[in-house]
């Protein structure tokens, strides 16, 4: 699992790079609820243990990549 975006930024990594290399957490399916900060950003659904990746910078741009 990649590090959280916030952890990478706290270590001094530039925000744009941290968004690509890290992940954000969201309680539930992020589709239509969470706007990705960049294409390729990863999101961990902490309620269902699913992983999503953004294919656009619109809230509907999340696609599931791995699930429990």
N, C-alpha and C. Protein backbone atom coordinates (compact mmCIF):
# COMPACT_ATOMS: atom_id res chain seq x y z
N UNK A 1 0.84 -1.17 0.00
CA UNK A 1 0.00 0.00 0.00
C UNK A 1 0.89 1.24 0.00
N UNK A 2 0.59 2.19 -0.88
CA UNK A 2 1.38 3.42 -0.89
C UNK A 2 1.12 4.25 0.37
N UNK A 3 2.04 5.12 0.67
CA UNK A 3 1.89 6.01 1.82
C UNK A 3 0.74 6.98 1.58
N UNK A 4 0.20 7.52 2.64
CA UNK A 4 -0.84 8.52 2.51
C UNK A 4 -0.24 9.81 1.96
N UNK A 5 -1.01 10.50 1.14
CA UNK A 5 -0.57 11.76 0.55
C UNK A 5 -0.11 12.74 1.62
N UNK A 6 -0.88 12.86 2.70
CA UNK A 6 -0.54 13.81 3.77
C UNK A 6 0.79 13.46 4.44
N UNK A 7 1.08 12.17 4.58
CA UNK A 7 2.36 11.75 5.18
C UNK A 7 3.53 12.16 4.29
N UNK A 8 3.38 11.98 2.99
CA UNK A 8 4.45 12.35 2.07
C UNK A 8 4.69 13.85 2.08
N UNK A 9 3.61 14.64 2.12
CA UNK A 9 3.78 16.09 2.16
C UNK A 9 4.40 16.53 3.47
N UNK A 10 4.09 15.85 4.57
CA UNK A 10 4.68 16.18 5.87
C UNK A 10 6.19 15.93 5.88
N UNK A 11 6.64 15.02 5.03
CA UNK A 11 8.08 14.74 4.93
C UNK A 11 8.78 15.68 3.96
N UNK A 12 8.03 16.64 3.40
CA UNK A 12 8.65 17.63 2.53
C UNK A 12 8.47 17.41 1.05
N UNK A 13 7.73 16.37 0.66
CA UNK A 13 7.52 16.12 -0.76
C UNK A 13 6.55 17.16 -1.33
N UNK A 14 6.82 17.68 -2.52
CA UNK A 14 5.90 18.64 -3.13
C UNK A 14 4.50 18.02 -3.29
N UNK A 15 3.46 18.84 -3.12
CA UNK A 15 2.09 18.35 -3.12
C UNK A 15 1.72 17.58 -4.39
N UNK A 16 2.11 18.09 -5.56
CA UNK A 16 1.74 17.43 -6.81
C UNK A 16 2.35 16.04 -6.91
N UNK A 17 3.56 15.88 -6.47
CA UNK A 17 4.21 14.57 -6.50
C UNK A 17 3.59 13.65 -5.45
N UNK A 18 3.31 14.17 -4.27
CA UNK A 18 2.68 13.37 -3.21
C UNK A 18 1.32 12.86 -3.64
N UNK A 19 0.56 13.66 -4.41
CA UNK A 19 -0.76 13.24 -4.88
C UNK A 19 -0.66 12.07 -5.85
N UNK A 20 0.41 12.04 -6.65
CA UNK A 20 0.60 10.95 -7.60
C UNK A 20 1.14 9.68 -6.94
N UNK A 21 2.00 9.84 -5.95
CA UNK A 21 2.66 8.70 -5.33
C UNK A 21 1.93 8.16 -4.11
N UNK A 22 1.16 9.00 -3.47
CA UNK A 22 0.46 8.60 -2.26
C UNK A 22 -0.99 8.25 -2.53
N UNK A 23 -1.76 8.11 -1.46
CA UNK A 23 -3.18 7.85 -1.61
C UNK A 23 -3.96 8.63 -0.56
N UNK A 24 -5.24 8.80 -0.83
CA UNK A 24 -6.15 9.40 0.14
C UNK A 24 -7.07 8.31 0.66
N UNK A 25 -7.64 8.53 1.82
CA UNK A 25 -8.60 7.59 2.38
C UNK A 25 -9.98 8.23 2.42
N UNK A 26 -10.99 7.40 2.19
CA UNK A 26 -12.37 7.87 2.20
C UNK A 26 -13.23 6.73 2.74
N UNK A 27 -14.18 7.04 3.57
CA UNK A 27 -15.06 6.03 4.15
C UNK A 27 -16.22 5.76 3.20
N UNK A 28 -16.05 4.82 2.30
CA UNK A 28 -17.07 4.48 1.31
C UNK A 28 -16.56 4.69 -0.10
N UNK A 29 -17.42 4.44 -1.06
CA UNK A 29 -17.11 4.60 -2.48
C UNK A 29 -16.92 6.09 -2.77
N UNK A 30 -15.74 6.50 -3.28
CA UNK A 30 -15.51 7.92 -3.52
C UNK A 30 -16.21 8.46 -4.76
N UNK A 31 -16.74 7.57 -5.61
CA UNK A 31 -17.36 8.00 -6.85
C UNK A 31 -18.51 8.96 -6.58
N UNK A 32 -18.47 10.09 -7.21
CA UNK A 32 -19.46 11.17 -7.09
C UNK A 32 -19.41 11.90 -5.75
N UNK A 33 -18.49 11.52 -4.86
CA UNK A 33 -18.41 12.17 -3.54
C UNK A 33 -17.09 12.88 -3.30
N UNK A 34 -16.02 12.40 -3.91
CA UNK A 34 -14.69 12.93 -3.66
C UNK A 34 -14.07 13.33 -5.00
N UNK A 35 -13.65 14.57 -5.12
CA UNK A 35 -13.04 15.05 -6.36
C UNK A 35 -11.54 14.75 -6.32
N UNK A 36 -11.04 13.97 -7.29
CA UNK A 36 -9.61 13.67 -7.33
C UNK A 36 -8.80 14.94 -7.59
N UNK A 37 -7.61 15.00 -7.03
CA UNK A 37 -6.75 16.16 -7.21
C UNK A 37 -5.92 16.05 -8.48
N UNK A 38 -5.82 14.84 -9.03
CA UNK A 38 -5.08 14.64 -10.28
C UNK A 38 -5.46 13.29 -10.87
N UNK A 39 -5.24 13.11 -12.16
CA UNK A 39 -5.45 11.82 -12.79
C UNK A 39 -4.39 10.86 -12.26
N UNK A 40 -4.79 9.66 -11.90
CA UNK A 40 -3.87 8.67 -11.36
C UNK A 40 -3.83 8.64 -9.84
N UNK A 41 -4.55 9.54 -9.19
CA UNK A 41 -4.58 9.54 -7.72
C UNK A 41 -5.30 8.28 -7.25
N UNK A 42 -4.81 7.69 -6.16
CA UNK A 42 -5.42 6.49 -5.60
C UNK A 42 -6.20 6.85 -4.34
N UNK A 43 -7.27 6.09 -4.12
CA UNK A 43 -8.11 6.28 -2.96
C UNK A 43 -8.42 4.92 -2.33
N UNK A 44 -8.27 4.84 -1.01
CA UNK A 44 -8.61 3.62 -0.29
C UNK A 44 -9.96 3.83 0.39
N UNK A 45 -10.93 3.00 0.04
CA UNK A 45 -12.25 2.99 0.67
C UNK A 45 -12.09 2.20 1.97
N UNK A 46 -12.04 2.92 3.09
CA UNK A 46 -11.76 2.28 4.37
C UNK A 46 -12.94 1.47 4.90
N UNK A 47 -14.15 1.73 4.42
CA UNK A 47 -15.31 0.95 4.86
C UNK A 47 -15.34 -0.44 4.23
N UNK A 48 -15.00 -0.52 2.95
CA UNK A 48 -15.12 -1.78 2.20
C UNK A 48 -13.79 -2.38 1.79
N UNK A 49 -12.68 -1.71 2.13
CA UNK A 49 -11.33 -2.15 1.78
C UNK A 49 -11.15 -2.30 0.27
N UNK A 50 -11.72 -1.36 -0.49
CA UNK A 50 -11.55 -1.32 -1.94
C UNK A 50 -10.57 -0.20 -2.31
N UNK A 51 -9.89 -0.36 -3.44
CA UNK A 51 -8.97 0.64 -3.95
C UNK A 51 -9.48 1.19 -5.26
N UNK A 52 -9.39 2.50 -5.43
CA UNK A 52 -9.84 3.19 -6.62
C UNK A 52 -8.70 4.01 -7.19
N UNK A 53 -8.76 4.26 -8.51
CA UNK A 53 -7.82 5.15 -9.17
C UNK A 53 -8.62 6.13 -10.02
N UNK A 54 -8.17 7.37 -10.05
CA UNK A 54 -8.91 8.39 -10.81
C UNK A 54 -8.47 8.37 -12.27
N UNK A 55 -9.47 8.48 -13.14
CA UNK A 55 -9.23 8.54 -14.58
C UNK A 55 -9.56 9.92 -15.13
N UNK A 56 -9.99 10.81 -14.24
CA UNK A 56 -10.26 12.20 -14.60
C UNK A 56 -10.22 13.01 -13.30
N UNK A 57 -10.39 14.31 -13.41
CA UNK A 57 -10.42 15.15 -12.21
C UNK A 57 -11.85 15.54 -11.86
N UNK A 58 -12.80 14.70 -12.23
CA UNK A 58 -14.21 14.86 -11.86
C UNK A 58 -14.56 13.80 -10.83
N UNK A 59 -15.50 14.11 -9.97
CA UNK A 59 -15.89 13.17 -8.91
C UNK A 59 -16.33 11.81 -9.47
N UNK A 60 -16.87 11.80 -10.67
CA UNK A 60 -17.32 10.55 -11.29
C UNK A 60 -16.17 9.78 -11.94
N UNK A 61 -14.95 10.29 -11.86
CA UNK A 61 -13.81 9.69 -12.54
C UNK A 61 -13.12 8.55 -11.81
N UNK A 62 -13.60 8.14 -10.66
CA UNK A 62 -12.98 7.04 -9.92
C UNK A 62 -13.37 5.70 -10.52
N UNK A 63 -12.40 4.80 -10.66
CA UNK A 63 -12.63 3.44 -11.13
C UNK A 63 -12.03 2.48 -10.12
N UNK A 64 -12.78 1.44 -9.77
CA UNK A 64 -12.27 0.46 -8.80
C UNK A 64 -11.14 -0.33 -9.44
N UNK A 65 -10.05 -0.54 -8.69
CA UNK A 65 -8.94 -1.32 -9.21
C UNK A 65 -8.70 -2.59 -8.41
N UNK A 66 -9.10 -2.63 -7.16
CA UNK A 66 -8.95 -3.83 -6.34
C UNK A 66 -9.95 -3.77 -5.21
N UNK A 67 -10.50 -4.91 -4.88
CA UNK A 67 -11.47 -4.94 -3.81
C UNK A 67 -11.32 -6.17 -2.93
N UNK A 68 -12.02 -6.12 -1.84
CA UNK A 68 -11.94 -7.24 -0.90
C UNK A 68 -12.97 -8.30 -1.26
